[in-house]
């Protein structure tokens, strides 16, 4: 088949896709009208996962599962905006990894609110300035984000979703000749994460200027010849800063787990994770006895992390993730036995740690 014939065939398929997408969106608007009558949540991660699982099971290629997920997550995001536009707060600034994580779930069309601290994200959602908040909760290298755990302990908000995002750094500059670069901007931790790259290219003796964020680094380098930035791909794109090198981090397995917080409870999906804070009295064996009840009910714990208590009555809180949903019968039994010791933080679809 000739090139022009192939292009014509593609155009015909695109026309059909557009027709089908518009048909889908008409139904979506009807769903939105029904939800608006009861103010039911628009974002239903368990329903979206159900759709993705069904589509992946029917897939015969050549699209792989990652491509299907990328395409339909954007369709879901557009659908939600048609049903009921809702604001998303995230840990800024514009072009941060949190911004990138938010866009990966809520799409480019959503109304975003950049906040300068994790506590500001929580407050924006608590005061209804935003419906959802996106914040980091742990990194595979640096561990848990203590501020996020502490705020979850005090806030009425729930975790409604999670996602794992690889942390890739780019080297971007207005200069296409690296010998003309005299200074590099980035966040201090990013310099440490890209030490091998800096050494390999003779940048270790160059002026390394730490700034508040990698997004700000991109913004500054975009205004200054002879400079460069170590930043995220989204920040370089946002400030029209040409990327010279991609994925320059020392460890390519570096991932950050982000959570989405809001004010509603998810339904069961069949592949759920639950997060809690356990506030145990300072008594010998208290944690062991507490964990034995999970073992008795055959509940698989996936994470346990201690945190200094926020009050004087308790010495430590324990942040715990486990497989299951708060409405599962075995989970209910544990919660009933330890009502005064457990703060439920949310039950949500368990995300794949291999997300890209």
Protein backbone atom coordinates (compact mmCIF):
# COMPACT_ATOMS: atom_id res chain seq x y z
CA UNK A 1 0.00 0.00 0.00
CA UNK A 2 1.34 3.45 -0.90
CA UNK A 3 2.12 6.14 1.68
CA UNK A 4 -0.82 8.34 0.69
CA UNK A 5 -3.19 5.40 0.94
CA UNK A 6 -1.90 4.57 4.42
CA UNK A 7 -2.34 8.18 5.51
CA UNK A 8 -5.88 8.21 4.14
CA UNK A 9 -6.64 5.05 6.11
CA UNK A 10 -5.27 6.68 9.28
CA UNK A 11 -7.46 9.74 8.67
CA UNK A 12 -10.52 7.53 8.32
CA UNK A 13 -9.73 5.75 11.60
CA UNK A 14 -9.14 9.10 13.35
CA UNK A 15 -12.56 10.28 12.16
CA UNK A 16 -14.15 7.18 13.68
CA UNK A 17 -12.20 7.66 16.92
CA UNK A 18 -13.42 11.25 17.17
CA UNK A 19 -17.00 10.16 16.58
CA UNK A 20 -16.75 7.44 19.24
CA UNK A 21 -15.06 9.76 21.76
CA UNK A 22 -17.81 12.33 21.35
CA UNK A 23 -20.38 9.59 21.83
CA UNK A 24 -18.58 8.50 25.02
CA UNK A 25 -18.51 12.07 26.32
CA UNK A 26 -22.26 12.48 25.79
CA UNK A 27 -22.82 9.49 28.07
CA UNK A 28 -20.26 10.85 30.51
CA UNK A 29 -22.23 14.10 30.78
CA UNK A 30 -25.36 12.10 31.62
CA UNK A 31 -23.42 10.28 34.34
CA UNK A 32 -22.23 13.65 35.63
CA UNK A 33 -25.76 14.97 35.84
CA UNK A 34 -26.81 11.95 37.91
CA UNK A 35 -23.80 12.35 40.23
CA UNK A 36 -24.37 16.08 40.63
CA UNK A 37 -27.83 15.45 42.05
CA UNK A 38 -26.29 13.55 44.95
CA UNK A 39 -22.86 15.29 44.94
CA UNK A 40 -21.27 11.88 44.50
CA UNK A 41 -17.49 11.93 43.88
CA UNK A 42 -16.47 12.30 40.25
CA UNK A 43 -13.06 10.69 40.67
CA UNK A 44 -13.54 6.95 41.22
CA UNK A 45 -10.13 5.26 41.07
CA UNK A 46 -11.63 1.80 41.60
CA UNK A 47 -13.95 2.25 38.59
CA UNK A 48 -11.11 3.51 36.41
CA UNK A 49 -8.99 0.52 37.42
CA UNK A 50 -11.86 -1.81 36.57
CA UNK A 51 -12.04 -0.30 33.06
CA UNK A 52 -8.27 -0.52 32.56
CA UNK A 53 -8.18 -4.16 33.68
CA UNK A 54 -10.99 -5.05 31.28
CA UNK A 55 -9.32 -3.29 28.35
CA UNK A 56 -5.94 -4.88 29.06
CA UNK A 57 -7.54 -8.32 29.16
CA UNK A 58 -9.08 -7.73 25.72
CA UNK A 59 -5.94 -6.26 24.16
CA UNK A 60 -4.35 -8.18 21.29
CA UNK A 61 -1.68 -5.57 20.42
CA UNK A 62 0.37 -3.94 19.13
CA UNK A 63 -0.45 -1.49 21.96
CA UNK A 64 1.16 -2.58 25.21
CA UNK A 65 -0.44 -2.17 28.65
CA UNK A 66 1.50 1.02 29.43
CA UNK A 67 0.23 2.64 26.23
CA UNK A 68 -3.37 1.63 26.96
CA UNK A 69 -3.09 3.09 30.44
CA UNK A 70 -1.58 6.38 29.19
CA UNK A 71 -4.29 6.85 26.56
CA UNK A 72 -7.23 6.03 28.79
CA UNK A 73 -5.99 7.96 31.83
CA UNK A 74 -6.14 11.06 29.66
CA UNK A 75 -9.62 10.09 28.44
CA UNK A 76 -10.70 9.63 32.07
CA UNK A 77 -9.30 13.08 32.92
CA UNK A 78 -11.19 14.75 30.07
CA UNK A 79 -14.34 12.87 31.11
CA UNK A 80 -14.10 14.09 34.71
CA UNK A 81 -13.78 17.68 33.54
CA UNK A 82 -16.94 17.29 31.49
CA UNK A 83 -18.81 15.70 34.41
CA UNK A 84 -17.82 18.34 36.97
CA UNK A 85 -14.70 20.53 36.76
CA UNK A 86 -12.83 20.27 40.05
CA UNK A 87 -9.61 21.87 41.22
CA UNK A 88 -6.48 19.92 42.07
CA UNK A 89 -3.94 21.30 44.57
CA UNK A 90 -0.35 20.04 44.46
CA UNK A 91 3.00 20.72 46.06
CA UNK A 92 4.47 23.34 43.73
CA UNK A 93 5.91 25.12 42.04
CA UNK A 94 4.70 24.75 38.48
CA UNK A 95 6.89 22.12 36.83
CA UNK A 96 7.63 20.19 40.04
CA UNK A 97 7.53 16.40 40.23
CA UNK A 98 4.27 16.73 42.20
CA UNK A 99 2.86 18.77 39.31
CA UNK A 100 3.96 16.01 36.94
CA UNK A 101 2.31 13.39 39.16
CA UNK A 102 -0.92 15.41 39.31
CA UNK A 103 -1.07 15.79 35.53
CA UNK A 104 -0.49 12.07 35.06
CA UNK A 105 -3.78 11.40 36.87
CA UNK A 106 -5.88 14.49 36.24
CA UNK A 107 -4.72 15.45 32.75
CA UNK A 108 -3.61 18.69 31.15
CA UNK A 109 -7.10 20.24 31.13
CA UNK A 110 -7.70 20.23 34.90
CA UNK A 111 -7.70 23.36 37.05
CA UNK A 112 -4.52 23.21 39.13
CA UNK A 113 -3.55 25.09 42.26
CA UNK A 114 0.16 25.26 43.06
CA UNK A 115 0.93 25.39 46.80
CA UNK A 116 4.25 26.15 48.47
CA UNK A 117 4.04 23.49 51.20
CA UNK A 118 2.48 20.12 51.92
CA UNK A 119 0.43 21.64 54.75
CA UNK A 120 -0.94 24.22 52.30
CA UNK A 121 -2.13 21.41 50.01
CA UNK A 122 -4.00 19.79 52.92
CA UNK A 123 -5.52 23.12 53.93
CA UNK A 124 -6.67 23.85 50.36
CA UNK A 125 -8.60 20.58 50.26
CA UNK A 126 -9.92 20.88 53.83
CA UNK A 127 -11.30 24.38 53.11
CA UNK A 128 -12.83 23.26 49.77
CA UNK A 129 -10.57 25.48 47.67
CA UNK A 130 -9.63 22.25 45.91
CA UNK A 131 -11.32 18.87 45.67
CA UNK A 132 -8.08 16.86 45.49
CA UNK A 133 -4.54 17.23 46.74
CA UNK A 134 -1.38 15.57 45.41
CA UNK A 135 1.59 15.21 47.77
CA UNK A 136 4.62 12.93 48.12
CA UNK A 137 4.55 10.37 50.90
CA UNK A 138 7.80 8.42 50.38
CA UNK A 139 10.83 8.09 48.17
CA UNK A 140 12.71 4.89 47.44
CA UNK A 141 16.02 6.55 48.42
CA UNK A 142 15.13 9.16 51.04
CA UNK A 143 12.33 7.26 52.81
CA UNK A 144 9.02 8.60 54.12
CA UNK A 145 7.97 12.24 54.04
CA UNK A 146 7.41 12.91 57.72
CA UNK A 147 5.31 16.04 57.19
CA UNK A 148 2.80 14.13 55.06
CA UNK A 149 2.43 11.38 57.68
CA UNK A 150 1.99 13.92 60.48
CA UNK A 151 -0.67 15.83 58.53
CA UNK A 152 -2.56 12.62 57.73
CA UNK A 153 -2.63 11.98 61.46
CA UNK A 154 -4.31 15.34 62.15
CA UNK A 155 -6.48 15.81 59.06
CA UNK A 156 -9.99 14.45 58.36
CA UNK A 157 -8.96 13.92 54.72
CA UNK A 158 -8.44 10.43 53.29
CA UNK A 159 -6.02 8.86 50.86
CA UNK A 160 -8.15 8.07 47.80
CA UNK A 161 -5.40 7.02 45.39
CA UNK A 162 -1.67 6.43 45.08
CA UNK A 163 0.83 6.38 42.25
CA UNK A 164 4.52 5.60 41.91
CA UNK A 165 6.50 7.90 39.64
CA UNK A 166 10.10 7.36 38.52
CA UNK A 167 12.21 10.41 39.31
CA UNK A 168 14.18 11.22 36.17
CA UNK A 169 16.37 14.31 35.90
CA UNK A 170 17.30 16.11 32.70
CA UNK A 171 20.17 18.46 31.93
CA UNK A 172 18.82 21.47 30.05
CA UNK A 173 20.35 24.68 28.77
CA UNK A 174 20.03 27.44 26.17
CA UNK A 175 23.60 26.52 25.15
CA UNK A 176 24.04 23.64 22.71
CA UNK A 177 27.78 23.59 23.41
CA UNK A 178 28.39 22.43 27.00
CA UNK A 179 31.80 24.15 27.05
CA UNK A 180 29.93 27.47 27.20
CA UNK A 181 28.12 26.50 30.41
CA UNK A 182 29.61 28.19 33.49
CA UNK A 183 26.99 27.52 36.20
CA UNK A 184 24.30 24.97 36.95
CA UNK A 185 21.08 25.55 38.90
CA UNK A 186 19.16 22.83 40.74
CA UNK A 187 17.78 21.72 44.08
CA UNK A 188 20.58 20.60 46.42
CA UNK A 189 19.35 16.99 46.61
CA UNK A 190 19.28 16.78 42.79
CA UNK A 191 22.99 17.62 42.60
CA UNK A 192 23.67 14.66 44.87
CA UNK A 193 21.43 12.36 42.82
CA UNK A 194 23.32 13.25 39.60
CA UNK A 195 26.88 13.20 40.92
CA UNK A 196 28.17 10.64 38.40
CA UNK A 197 26.86 12.65 35.45
CA UNK A 198 28.48 15.83 36.75
CA UNK A 199 31.82 14.07 37.19
CA UNK A 200 31.70 12.36 33.79
CA UNK A 201 31.20 15.66 31.98
CA UNK A 202 33.72 17.67 33.98
CA UNK A 203 31.10 19.71 35.81
CA UNK A 204 32.23 18.80 39.33
CA UNK A 205 34.35 21.97 39.65
CA UNK A 206 31.71 24.22 38.10
CA UNK A 207 29.59 26.62 40.12
CA UNK A 208 26.62 24.59 41.37
CA UNK A 209 23.89 26.93 42.61
CA UNK A 210 21.20 25.37 44.83
CA UNK A 211 17.67 26.81 44.56
CA UNK A 212 14.34 25.91 46.17
CA UNK A 213 13.21 23.55 43.42
CA UNK A 214 14.25 22.00 40.14
CA UNK A 215 11.38 23.90 38.51
CA UNK A 216 12.88 27.22 39.64
CA UNK A 217 16.24 26.01 38.32
CA UNK A 218 14.71 25.55 34.86
CA UNK A 219 13.05 28.97 35.03
CA UNK A 220 16.35 30.68 35.91
CA UNK A 221 18.41 28.83 33.31
CA UNK A 222 15.84 29.71 30.65
CA UNK A 223 16.64 33.41 31.23
CA UNK A 224 20.43 33.18 31.40
CA UNK A 225 22.91 32.25 28.71
CA UNK A 226 25.91 30.29 29.94
CA UNK A 227 23.86 28.47 32.56
CA UNK A 228 22.07 25.12 32.79
CA UNK A 229 19.56 23.36 35.00
CA UNK A 230 19.14 19.89 36.40
CA UNK A 231 15.38 19.61 36.37
CA UNK A 232 12.37 17.49 35.51
CA UNK A 233 11.28 16.95 31.92
CA UNK A 234 8.03 18.83 32.56
CA UNK A 235 9.90 21.87 33.94
CA UNK A 236 12.22 22.05 30.92
CA UNK A 237 9.22 21.81 28.62
CA UNK A 238 7.27 24.40 30.61
CA UNK A 239 10.03 27.02 30.35
CA UNK A 240 11.05 26.13 26.77
CA UNK A 241 14.51 25.10 27.93
CA UNK A 242 16.20 22.71 25.45
CA UNK A 243 17.11 19.33 26.94
CA UNK A 244 20.69 18.24 26.25
CA UNK A 245 20.71 14.99 28.28
CA UNK A 246 17.89 12.81 29.63
CA UNK A 247 17.79 10.49 32.66
CA UNK A 248 21.05 11.72 34.18
CA UNK A 249 20.37 10.45 37.72
CA UNK A 250 22.82 7.97 39.28
CA UNK A 251 20.10 5.51 40.30
CA UNK A 252 17.48 4.85 37.64
CA UNK A 253 15.36 2.94 40.17
CA UNK A 254 14.59 6.11 42.15
CA UNK A 255 10.80 6.41 42.57
CA UNK A 256 8.52 8.61 44.61
CA UNK A 257 5.16 7.44 45.87
CA UNK A 258 2.52 10.15 45.67
CA UNK A 259 -0.90 10.08 47.29
CA UNK A 260 -4.10 11.83 46.26
CA UNK A 261 -6.13 13.11 49.20
CA UNK A 262 -9.80 14.09 49.27
CA UNK A 263 -12.94 13.86 51.41
CA UNK A 264 -14.67 10.66 50.28
CA UNK A 265 -14.44 6.91 50.76
CA UNK A 266 -13.62 4.57 47.87
CA UNK A 267 -15.63 1.47 47.11
CA UNK A 268 -13.88 -1.92 47.06
CA UNK A 269 -11.97 -2.76 43.89
CA UNK A 270 -10.72 -6.26 44.72
CA UNK A 271 -7.12 -5.04 44.66
CA UNK A 272 -6.98 -2.57 47.52
CA UNK A 273 -4.51 -1.18 50.00
CA UNK A 274 -5.42 0.39 53.34
CA UNK A 275 -3.33 2.86 55.33
CA UNK A 276 -3.68 3.48 59.06
CA UNK A 277 -1.95 5.19 61.94
CA UNK A 278 -1.71 2.99 65.02
CA UNK A 279 -1.47 4.96 68.27
CA UNK A 280 -0.18 2.44 70.78
CA UNK A 281 0.40 3.00 74.48
CA UNK A 282 4.01 2.81 75.65
CA UNK A 283 3.82 -0.71 77.10
CA UNK A 284 6.15 -3.69 76.57
CA UNK A 285 4.95 -5.90 73.70
CA UNK A 286 2.16 -3.50 72.61
CA UNK A 287 3.24 -3.50 68.96
CA UNK A 288 3.74 -7.28 68.86
CA UNK A 289 0.25 -7.93 70.26
CA UNK A 290 -1.23 -5.44 67.82
CA UNK A 291 0.45 -7.02 64.79
CA UNK A 292 -0.53 -10.55 65.85
CA UNK A 293 -4.17 -9.68 65.20
CA UNK A 294 -3.33 -8.86 61.58
CA UNK A 295 -1.51 -12.17 61.26
CA UNK A 296 -4.48 -13.99 62.80
CA UNK A 297 -6.80 -12.52 60.14
CA UNK A 298 -4.27 -13.30 57.36
CA UNK A 299 -3.82 -9.64 56.48
CA UNK A 300 -0.59 -8.96 54.60
CA UNK A 301 1.30 -5.92 55.91
CA UNK A 302 3.29 -4.11 53.21
CA UNK A 303 4.80 -1.30 55.26
CA UNK A 304 5.32 -0.21 58.86
CA UNK A 305 7.02 3.03 59.85
CA UNK A 306 7.33 4.60 63.31
CA UNK A 307 6.78 8.32 63.88
CA UNK A 308 7.26 10.43 67.02
CA UNK A 309 3.85 11.06 68.56
CA UNK A 310 2.17 14.43 68.25
CA UNK A 311 0.83 14.27 71.83
CA UNK A 312 2.17 13.33 75.24
CA UNK A 313 -0.04 10.33 75.89
CA UNK A 314 1.62 8.22 73.19
CA UNK A 315 5.32 7.79 72.56
CA UNK A 316 5.11 6.66 68.94
CA UNK A 317 2.60 6.35 66.14
CA UNK A 318 3.04 3.60 63.59
CA UNK A 319 2.16 4.21 59.98
CA UNK A 320 1.02 0.89 58.47
CA UNK A 321 0.01 -0.13 54.94
CA UNK A 322 -1.68 -3.48 54.36
CA UNK A 323 -3.52 -5.29 51.59
CA UNK A 324 -7.30 -5.10 51.80
CA UNK A 325 -10.19 -2.66 52.20
CA UNK A 326 -11.79 -1.30 55.37
CA UNK A 327 -15.04 -3.05 54.37
CA UNK A 328 -13.40 -6.51 54.15
CA UNK A 329 -14.65 -8.76 56.93
CA UNK A 330 -11.18 -9.66 58.25
CA UNK A 331 -10.15 -6.00 58.33
CA UNK A 332 -13.36 -5.07 60.17
CA UNK A 333 -12.50 -7.56 62.92
CA UNK A 334 -9.11 -5.94 63.55
CA UNK A 335 -10.60 -2.44 63.50
CA UNK A 336 -13.35 -3.41 65.94
CA UNK A 337 -10.81 -4.84 68.38
CA UNK A 338 -8.56 -1.76 68.22
CA UNK A 339 -11.05 1.10 67.72
CA UNK A 340 -9.29 3.46 70.11
CA UNK A 341 -5.85 2.76 68.65
CA UNK A 342 -6.43 3.03 64.89
CA UNK A 343 -6.87 6.11 62.74
CA UNK A 344 -8.03 5.05 59.29
CA UNK A 345 -6.28 7.03 56.55
CA UNK A 346 -8.02 5.52 53.54
CA UNK A 347 -8.58 2.43 51.40
CA UNK A 348 -7.71 2.73 47.74
CA UNK A 349 -6.64 0.83 44.62
CA UNK A 350 -3.15 -0.60 45.05
CA UNK A 351 -0.87 0.96 42.42
CA UNK A 352 1.82 -0.86 40.53
CA UNK A 353 5.32 0.05 41.65
CA UNK A 354 6.50 -0.34 38.06
CA UNK A 355 4.50 2.65 36.77
CA UNK A 356 6.37 4.89 34.37
